[in-house]
Each structure stands twice: as C-alpha cells, then as structure tokens.
Amino acid sequence: MTRPLRAWLAVACSTLITLAACSPSVRDDAQPAAQPVLAGEGQRVLDNVNAASRVKVQRFLYPTTTGTRDDRQNWADVYLPPGTHAASSVPLVVLIHGGSWRSSTGADSFVAFSRRLAERGLAVYNVEYRRVGSGGGWPTTFKDVAAALDYVPVIRKRLPQISDHNAVVVGHSAGGQLAMWAGTRHNLHADEIGSNPKFRPQSVVSLAGPLDMRLAVKLGDNRIVAVLGGMPGQVPDRYASVDPIQNVDASVPILAMVGTNDHVVPPILSENYVKAVVKQGGWGRMVLLPATDHSSIVEPSAESFPLVVETISRAAHNAYRQ
C-alpha cells in the first residue's frame, strides 16, 4: 500500500470511529473546514445552475452480457471537472446507487452527488443498471453492474484525461454491496457471474451497505431475498458469490461509512465486515456518522454530507498521487 493511500486511510483513525473524534483529520489545508450544507431551495437551484455550467456530463451506453439490453437502464454518465486536463490527470470515482436493488430508485438520485465530486476535481462514472421490477434481479442486476464496470477501460480510452489506475468504487446501500463485490470480482471462479473483470478498483467505500448479507436476512431484510431469488439456505451459492463478508480480500483497502441512526441497514453489518477484513490482515475502517440515517448519508443537505464528499475526494486524490 502506498504512503499517500495510507494517509487517506488514516482518516478513519480506528476500526470504530465517530465524526467528532476524527473531524480534525479530514480537513483539507487548501480549503476551509467542511461546514453543514443548509442552503434553502432557491440557493440549491442556483448552485445546480452554476454547477451545470461548469461540470461536463456525457452519457455512455455500455454493452451487456445477458443477450438483451435496455437503453433506458444500461447506461452510465461521466461527470468531468471544469476546465481542460492533461492525459491521465483526473482521478476516477465509480458511483453505484442504492435503492434495495429495486427499480424505484435510479442513478438520477446521484446527480447532485456526482456534480459535487466532479467539482472537487474528480471524474465520476455514475452507473445505472436493471433492477428488480424493471428487468433486473438475479442474475441480470449483477451482470449489468459487472458489464458497466468492465466498460471503464473503454471510457478511459475515449476520455484520456481520466486516470483509472487508482480508481475508487463507492456505493450506497445496495450499491455498497455491489461496490464491495466490484472490488473482489477478480477472485471469482470462471463460472461465477462477474468473473474475469476487465476493471479492478484499488479501493472501495461503502455508504450504509449490507456487507453481511446472511445476517441482514436473519434481521428481516427481504430485499436481499428478492434480488437473489431466495433465502441463504435455498440459494447458498448465490450468497457465497456476492456476499461481501464471504468474499473478503485483504489486499483491497476498504472504508465503511454508516449512520448511527440507520435502521434500514444497521451498523452491525458494516462492523462485522470490517472486523473480517482486519482479521484477515487487510486494511478496513468503519466510520460512524452521528445523527445520520440510511438516506441522509447521501443527501447534499445533510450535515454529514460534506464529510462523505471529503472522504471520497481524499481517497481518490491520495490514491492517485503516488
């Protein structure tokens, strides 16, 4: 692990930390300390207009491996920071949205998130995929996400200013599970969905992800049962293939951020995963965000959101600056 990457990972301070305990270490000396975003609706509209005039957005349709596709869902938007940039100079963040793997929530929920990151000098690859209720579920959802990730090398060639050498994959909720899976696909057997990846991230950030899927089901999470098509005892191979805690890779640095008020995906799921990573000799940290629930962890108006953006920004920039 490079020294700059260790410096970013030190943001977490310990396996279980709080925002108050770690806030001094997430300051960016080049900018004022992060402040809560409390702008009114009029200011948000103005901010969106200003952002839209600076950040460049381009949509790509990635090829699927299912034999079918849906152009309304099999796409990813690339957000580029303002200005012109030299080749391989803009670090890449891949965003995978959540929403319980269901069609009710899509990548459009991450537009503001993507713009914020792009304004911090990052290239953002915001992925859409088919979900339960719109042609997804097992195995389509996972094949789509794998296909979108494997399209990153093509994006890199078309947009040479992007560097994917130290890419960070970030996912919220269901996307947190998919992000962790993205970081360990290289360990899958050849006959497993998502194996033989063409793109491999160098670090992963989960935002309220269900990182211990079997325990989540025991706690009553039927959304996992729906996307995988059965209980752990009914389709054990599927859980074994995509459940993050069953696929720990000690070589992949991970950070799990979760709110203390999250009653949808409780913190114990991230805690168990981080402990498993550390037990196997890997680097993993859990960041507990006080007064934050499952949705507000990715809401631009939330008090904790600046820290989320700051953490991702530091991950991408520090991993990139070797």
Protein backbone atom coordinates (compact mmCIF):
# COMPACT_ATOMS: atom_id res chain seq x y z
CA MET A 1 0.00 0.00 0.00
CA THR A 2 1.40 3.41 -0.94
CA ARG A 3 2.15 6.05 1.71
CA PRO A 4 -0.41 8.53 0.25
CA LEU A 5 -3.09 5.87 0.36
CA ARG A 6 -2.23 5.10 3.97
CA ALA A 7 -2.54 8.82 4.69
CA TRP A 8 -6.10 8.82 3.36
CA LEU A 9 -6.97 5.64 5.19
CA ALA A 10 -5.76 7.24 8.42
CA VAL A 11 -8.87 9.46 8.19
CA ALA A 12 -10.76 6.71 9.96
CA CYS A 13 -8.37 6.61 12.95
CA SER A 14 -9.59 3.25 14.30
CA THR A 15 -11.91 0.36 13.46
CA LEU A 16 -14.87 2.15 15.04
CA ILE A 17 -14.74 5.94 14.99
CA THR A 18 -17.09 8.87 15.24
CA LEU A 19 -17.31 12.06 13.27
CA ALA A 20 -16.42 14.12 16.34
CA ALA A 21 -13.33 12.05 17.07
CA CYS A 22 -11.97 12.22 13.56
CA SER A 23 -13.06 15.63 12.24
CA PRO A 24 -9.61 17.29 12.62
CA SER A 25 -8.04 14.71 10.32
CA VAL A 26 -10.45 15.21 7.44
CA ARG A 27 -9.69 18.88 6.95
CA ASP A 28 -8.21 19.93 3.66
CA ASP A 29 -5.49 22.51 4.30
CA ALA A 30 -6.22 24.12 0.96
CA GLN A 31 -9.84 24.77 1.86
CA PRO A 32 -11.83 25.84 4.94
CA ALA A 33 -13.17 23.13 7.22
CA ALA A 34 -16.26 21.43 5.84
CA GLN A 35 -19.47 23.10 7.00
CA PRO A 36 -23.02 21.73 7.05
CA VAL A 37 -24.94 22.36 3.85
CA LEU A 38 -28.08 24.21 4.91
CA ALA A 39 -28.94 26.20 1.79
CA GLY A 40 -32.58 26.94 1.04
CA GLU A 41 -34.34 25.75 -2.10
CA GLY A 42 -33.53 28.93 -4.01
CA GLN A 43 -29.83 28.56 -3.25
CA ARG A 44 -29.92 24.91 -4.28
CA VAL A 45 -31.41 25.85 -7.64
CA LEU A 46 -28.72 28.49 -8.15
CA ASP A 47 -26.00 26.06 -7.13
CA ASN A 48 -27.33 23.48 -9.61
CA VAL A 49 -27.36 26.03 -12.41
CA ASN A 50 -23.80 27.09 -11.63
CA ALA A 51 -22.64 23.50 -11.39
CA ALA A 52 -24.32 22.61 -14.67
CA SER A 53 -22.43 25.41 -16.42
CA ARG A 54 -19.06 24.09 -15.25
CA VAL A 55 -19.22 20.32 -14.91
CA LYS A 56 -19.25 18.37 -18.18
CA VAL A 57 -21.57 15.37 -18.43
CA GLN A 58 -21.51 12.68 -21.10
CA ARG A 59 -23.67 9.55 -21.30
CA PHE A 60 -22.38 6.17 -22.45
CA LEU A 61 -24.35 3.02 -23.29
CA TYR A 62 -22.33 0.05 -22.08
CA PRO A 63 -22.69 -3.36 -23.77
CA THR A 64 -24.44 -6.05 -21.75
CA THR A 65 -23.67 -9.75 -21.45
CA THR A 66 -27.24 -11.00 -21.00
CA GLY A 67 -28.25 -11.15 -24.65
CA THR A 68 -30.71 -8.33 -24.05
CA ARG A 69 -30.36 -4.68 -23.10
CA ASP A 70 -32.43 -1.68 -22.13
CA ASP A 71 -31.07 1.69 -23.23
CA ARG A 72 -33.17 3.33 -20.54
CA GLN A 73 -31.15 1.48 -17.90
CA ASN A 74 -27.90 0.16 -19.36
CA TRP A 75 -26.02 3.43 -19.28
CA ALA A 76 -23.56 5.41 -17.22
CA ASP A 77 -22.98 9.15 -17.04
CA VAL A 78 -19.45 10.51 -16.83
CA TYR A 79 -19.02 13.80 -14.98
CA LEU A 80 -15.80 15.69 -15.66
CA PRO A 81 -14.48 18.62 -13.61
CA PRO A 82 -14.39 22.12 -15.08
CA GLY A 83 -11.58 23.13 -17.39
CA THR A 84 -9.16 21.20 -19.58
CA HIS A 85 -6.95 18.49 -18.16
CA ALA A 86 -3.82 16.65 -19.20
CA ALA A 87 -3.90 12.97 -20.03
CA SER A 88 -4.29 10.66 -17.02
CA SER A 89 -4.61 13.61 -14.63
CA VAL A 90 -8.19 13.24 -13.33
CA PRO A 91 -8.77 10.51 -10.71
CA LEU A 92 -11.80 8.28 -11.21
CA VAL A 93 -14.65 7.59 -8.80
CA VAL A 94 -17.25 4.99 -9.77
CA LEU A 95 -20.65 5.57 -8.13
CA ILE A 96 -23.19 2.76 -7.71
CA HIS A 97 -26.55 3.91 -6.41
CA GLY A 98 -28.71 2.00 -3.97
CA GLY A 99 -32.44 1.57 -3.55
CA SER A 100 -32.69 -2.07 -2.43
CA TRP A 101 -31.81 -3.29 -5.94
CA ARG A 102 -35.33 -2.11 -6.89
CA SER A 103 -36.46 -0.04 -9.86
CA SER A 104 -37.95 2.70 -7.68
CA THR A 105 -34.53 4.32 -7.24
CA GLY A 106 -32.14 5.02 -10.10
CA ALA A 107 -28.84 6.67 -10.92
CA ASP A 108 -30.59 10.03 -11.28
CA SER A 109 -30.63 10.11 -7.47
CA PHE A 110 -26.86 10.60 -7.63
CA VAL A 111 -26.79 13.61 -9.97
CA ALA A 112 -26.07 16.13 -7.21
CA PHE A 113 -23.60 13.73 -5.59
CA SER A 114 -21.78 13.28 -8.91
CA ARG A 115 -21.58 17.02 -9.52
CA ARG A 116 -20.19 17.67 -6.05
CA LEU A 117 -17.42 15.15 -6.60
CA ALA A 118 -16.67 16.48 -10.10
CA GLU A 119 -16.36 19.98 -8.67
CA ARG A 120 -13.67 18.56 -6.39
CA GLY A 121 -11.58 17.63 -9.42
CA LEU A 122 -12.76 14.07 -9.90
CA ALA A 123 -14.09 12.14 -12.87
CA VAL A 124 -17.30 10.39 -11.81
CA TYR A 125 -18.77 7.33 -13.51
CA ASN A 126 -22.39 7.15 -12.31
CA VAL A 127 -23.76 3.71 -13.19
CA GLU A 128 -27.34 2.70 -13.97
CA TYR A 129 -28.40 -0.93 -14.16
CA ARG A 130 -31.52 -3.08 -14.38
CA ARG A 131 -33.20 -3.73 -11.04
CA VAL A 132 -36.00 -5.79 -9.54
CA GLY A 133 -39.21 -4.56 -11.13
CA SER A 134 -37.57 -3.37 -14.37
CA GLY A 135 -36.00 -6.50 -15.79
CA GLY A 136 -33.36 -6.98 -13.11
CA GLY A 137 -32.85 -9.33 -10.19
CA TRP A 138 -30.69 -12.43 -10.27
CA PRO A 139 -28.57 -12.68 -12.36
CA THR A 140 -29.29 -9.64 -14.57
CA THR A 141 -28.58 -6.93 -11.98
CA PHE A 142 -25.13 -8.35 -11.23
CA LYS A 143 -24.32 -8.97 -14.89
CA ASP A 144 -25.25 -5.37 -15.70
CA VAL A 145 -23.07 -3.91 -12.94
CA ALA A 146 -20.16 -6.11 -13.99
CA ALA A 147 -20.62 -5.04 -17.62
CA ALA A 148 -20.72 -1.37 -16.66
CA LEU A 149 -17.53 -1.74 -14.63
CA ASP A 150 -15.79 -3.61 -17.42
CA TYR A 151 -16.59 -0.72 -19.75
CA VAL A 152 -14.31 1.59 -17.75
CA PRO A 153 -11.23 0.82 -19.92
CA VAL A 154 -13.24 1.92 -22.97
CA ILE A 155 -14.24 5.14 -21.22
CA ARG A 156 -10.61 5.69 -20.32
CA LYS A 157 -9.61 5.49 -23.99
CA ARG A 158 -12.38 7.85 -25.10
CA LEU A 159 -11.65 10.33 -22.31
CA PRO A 160 -7.86 10.18 -21.93
CA GLN A 161 -7.83 12.81 -19.18
CA ILE A 162 -9.26 10.19 -16.82
CA SER A 163 -6.92 8.02 -14.76
CA ASP A 164 -8.34 4.66 -13.69
CA HIS A 165 -5.03 3.47 -12.28
CA ASN A 166 -6.13 4.07 -8.67
CA ALA A 167 -9.88 4.16 -9.13
CA VAL A 168 -12.22 4.18 -6.15
CA VAL A 169 -15.63 2.49 -6.27
CA VAL A 170 -18.29 3.98 -3.99
CA GLY A 171 -21.74 2.55 -3.39
CA HIS A 172 -24.72 3.45 -1.23
CA SER A 173 -26.99 0.85 0.38
CA ALA A 174 -27.47 -1.93 -2.19
CA GLY A 175 -24.78 -0.14 -4.15
CA GLY A 176 -22.45 -0.59 -1.18
CA GLN A 177 -22.78 -4.35 -1.53
CA LEU A 178 -22.24 -4.06 -5.28
CA ALA A 179 -19.19 -1.83 -4.73
CA MET A 180 -17.55 -4.32 -2.37
CA TRP A 181 -18.34 -7.10 -4.82
CA ALA A 182 -16.72 -4.99 -7.55
CA GLY A 183 -13.52 -4.90 -5.52
CA THR A 184 -13.26 -8.68 -5.23
CA ARG A 185 -14.55 -9.95 -8.59
CA HIS A 186 -11.02 -10.94 -9.57
CA ASN A 187 -11.25 -13.78 -7.03
CA LEU A 188 -14.40 -15.31 -8.51
CA HIS A 189 -14.30 -18.68 -10.24
CA ALA A 190 -14.58 -18.62 -14.01
CA ASP A 191 -18.19 -19.88 -13.93
CA GLU A 192 -19.38 -17.20 -11.48
CA ILE A 193 -21.18 -14.04 -12.56
CA GLY A 194 -18.80 -11.10 -12.85
CA SER A 195 -15.62 -13.17 -13.02
CA ASN A 196 -12.54 -12.26 -15.07
CA PRO A 197 -13.01 -8.49 -14.68
CA LYS A 198 -11.51 -6.04 -17.13
CA PHE A 199 -11.54 -3.34 -14.47
CA ARG A 200 -10.32 -3.63 -10.89
CA PRO A 201 -10.66 -0.79 -8.37
CA GLN A 202 -7.84 -0.07 -5.97
CA SER A 203 -10.07 0.83 -3.00
CA VAL A 204 -13.75 0.70 -2.10
CA VAL A 205 -16.03 2.90 0.00
CA SER A 206 -19.37 1.59 1.23
CA LEU A 207 -22.04 4.04 2.37
CA ALA A 208 -24.53 2.11 4.51
CA GLY A 209 -24.07 -1.09 2.56
CA PRO A 210 -25.41 -4.52 3.67
CA LEU A 211 -21.96 -6.05 3.89
CA ASP A 212 -23.07 -9.16 5.81
CA MET A 213 -25.99 -10.33 3.71
CA ARG A 214 -26.84 -13.52 5.59
CA LEU A 215 -27.10 -11.68 8.88
CA ALA A 216 -29.16 -8.97 7.18
CA VAL A 217 -31.64 -11.63 6.06
CA LYS A 218 -31.80 -13.00 9.60
CA LEU A 219 -32.62 -9.48 10.75
CA GLY A 220 -35.54 -9.39 8.33
CA ASP A 221 -34.13 -7.85 5.13
CA ASN A 222 -36.39 -9.39 2.50
CA ARG A 223 -34.98 -7.08 -0.18
CA ILE A 224 -31.89 -9.27 -0.32
CA VAL A 225 -34.07 -12.36 -0.64
CA ALA A 226 -35.89 -10.71 -3.54
CA VAL A 227 -32.79 -9.77 -5.53
CA LEU A 228 -31.05 -13.11 -5.01
CA GLY A 229 -34.19 -15.14 -5.55
CA GLY A 230 -34.23 -16.99 -2.25
CA MET A 231 -33.07 -17.39 1.33
CA PRO A 232 -29.44 -18.28 2.10
CA GLY A 233 -30.41 -21.92 2.64
CA GLN A 234 -32.24 -22.03 -0.69
CA VAL A 235 -29.59 -20.42 -2.94
CA PRO A 236 -26.37 -20.66 -0.90
CA ASP A 237 -24.13 -20.43 -3.97
CA ARG A 238 -25.53 -17.00 -4.86
CA TYR A 239 -24.87 -15.65 -1.39
CA ALA A 240 -21.40 -17.19 -1.40
CA SER A 241 -20.65 -15.44 -4.68
CA VAL A 242 -21.83 -11.89 -3.92
CA ASP A 243 -22.00 -11.52 -0.13
CA PRO A 244 -19.11 -9.17 0.80
CA ILE A 245 -18.32 -10.86 4.11
CA GLN A 246 -17.90 -14.19 2.33
CA ASN A 247 -15.52 -12.66 -0.22
CA VAL A 248 -13.04 -10.64 1.82
CA ASP A 249 -9.82 -9.72 0.01
CA ALA A 250 -7.16 -8.44 2.39
CA SER A 251 -5.33 -6.73 -0.48
CA VAL A 252 -8.19 -4.27 -1.13
CA PRO A 253 -8.36 -1.26 1.27
CA ILE A 254 -11.95 -0.57 2.28
CA LEU A 255 -13.84 2.06 4.21
CA ALA A 256 -17.39 1.54 5.51
CA MET A 257 -19.33 4.68 6.44
CA VAL A 258 -22.69 4.32 8.17
CA GLY A 259 -25.01 6.48 10.24
CA THR A 260 -25.73 5.83 13.89
CA ASN A 261 -29.43 6.28 13.15
CA ASP A 262 -29.55 3.81 10.26
CA HIS A 263 -32.38 1.37 10.99
CA VAL A 264 -32.62 0.12 7.41
CA VAL A 265 -29.11 -1.30 7.13
CA PRO A 266 -27.87 -1.38 10.73
CA PRO A 267 -24.21 -0.54 11.51
CA ILE A 268 -23.54 -4.09 12.76
CA LEU A 269 -23.40 -5.26 9.13
CA SER A 270 -20.53 -2.88 8.36
CA GLU A 271 -18.87 -3.61 11.69
CA ASN A 272 -18.84 -7.37 11.04
CA TYR A 273 -17.36 -6.87 7.59
CA VAL A 274 -14.62 -4.52 8.77
CA LYS A 275 -13.69 -6.94 11.55
CA ALA A 276 -13.46 -9.76 8.99
CA VAL A 277 -11.15 -7.67 6.79
CA VAL A 278 -8.88 -6.78 9.71
CA LYS A 279 -8.85 -10.37 10.96
CA GLN A 280 -7.53 -11.49 7.59
CA GLY A 281 -4.76 -8.90 7.72
CA GLY A 282 -6.35 -6.35 5.44
CA TRP A 283 -6.94 -2.63 5.92
CA GLY A 284 -10.50 -1.74 6.79
CA ARG A 285 -12.12 1.03 8.80
CA MET A 286 -15.64 1.85 9.88
CA VAL A 287 -16.76 5.47 10.16
CA LEU A 288 -19.84 6.08 12.30
CA LEU A 289 -21.66 9.28 11.38
CA PRO A 290 -23.74 10.64 14.28
CA ALA A 291 -27.32 11.81 13.71
CA THR A 292 -27.25 10.24 10.23
CA ASP A 293 -29.77 7.75 8.90
CA HIS A 294 -29.87 5.50 5.87
CA SER A 295 -30.93 8.15 3.37
CA SER A 296 -29.27 11.26 4.74
CA ILE A 297 -25.78 9.80 4.36
CA VAL A 298 -26.02 10.72 0.64
CA GLU A 299 -28.24 13.80 0.88
CA PRO A 300 -26.43 17.05 -0.03
CA SER A 301 -28.42 18.95 2.59
CA ALA A 302 -27.33 16.64 5.43
CA GLU A 303 -24.80 17.80 8.00
CA SER A 304 -22.63 14.73 7.44
CA PHE A 305 -22.57 15.01 3.63
CA PRO A 306 -19.51 17.29 3.43
CA LEU A 307 -17.51 14.66 5.30
CA VAL A 308 -18.70 11.95 2.93
CA VAL A 309 -17.61 14.02 -0.09
CA GLU A 310 -14.34 14.96 1.60
CA THR A 311 -13.53 11.35 2.42
CA ILE A 312 -14.18 10.17 -1.12
CA SER A 313 -12.20 13.07 -2.55
CA ARG A 314 -9.22 12.31 -0.33
CA ALA A 315 -9.43 8.63 -1.24
CA ALA A 316 -9.32 9.34 -4.95
CA HIS A 317 -6.68 12.07 -4.86
CA ASN A 318 -4.37 10.45 -2.36
CA ALA A 319 -4.53 7.08 -4.06
CA TYR A 320 -3.76 8.78 -7.33
CA ARG A 321 -0.78 10.86 -6.13
CA GLN A 322 1.94 8.26 -5.84
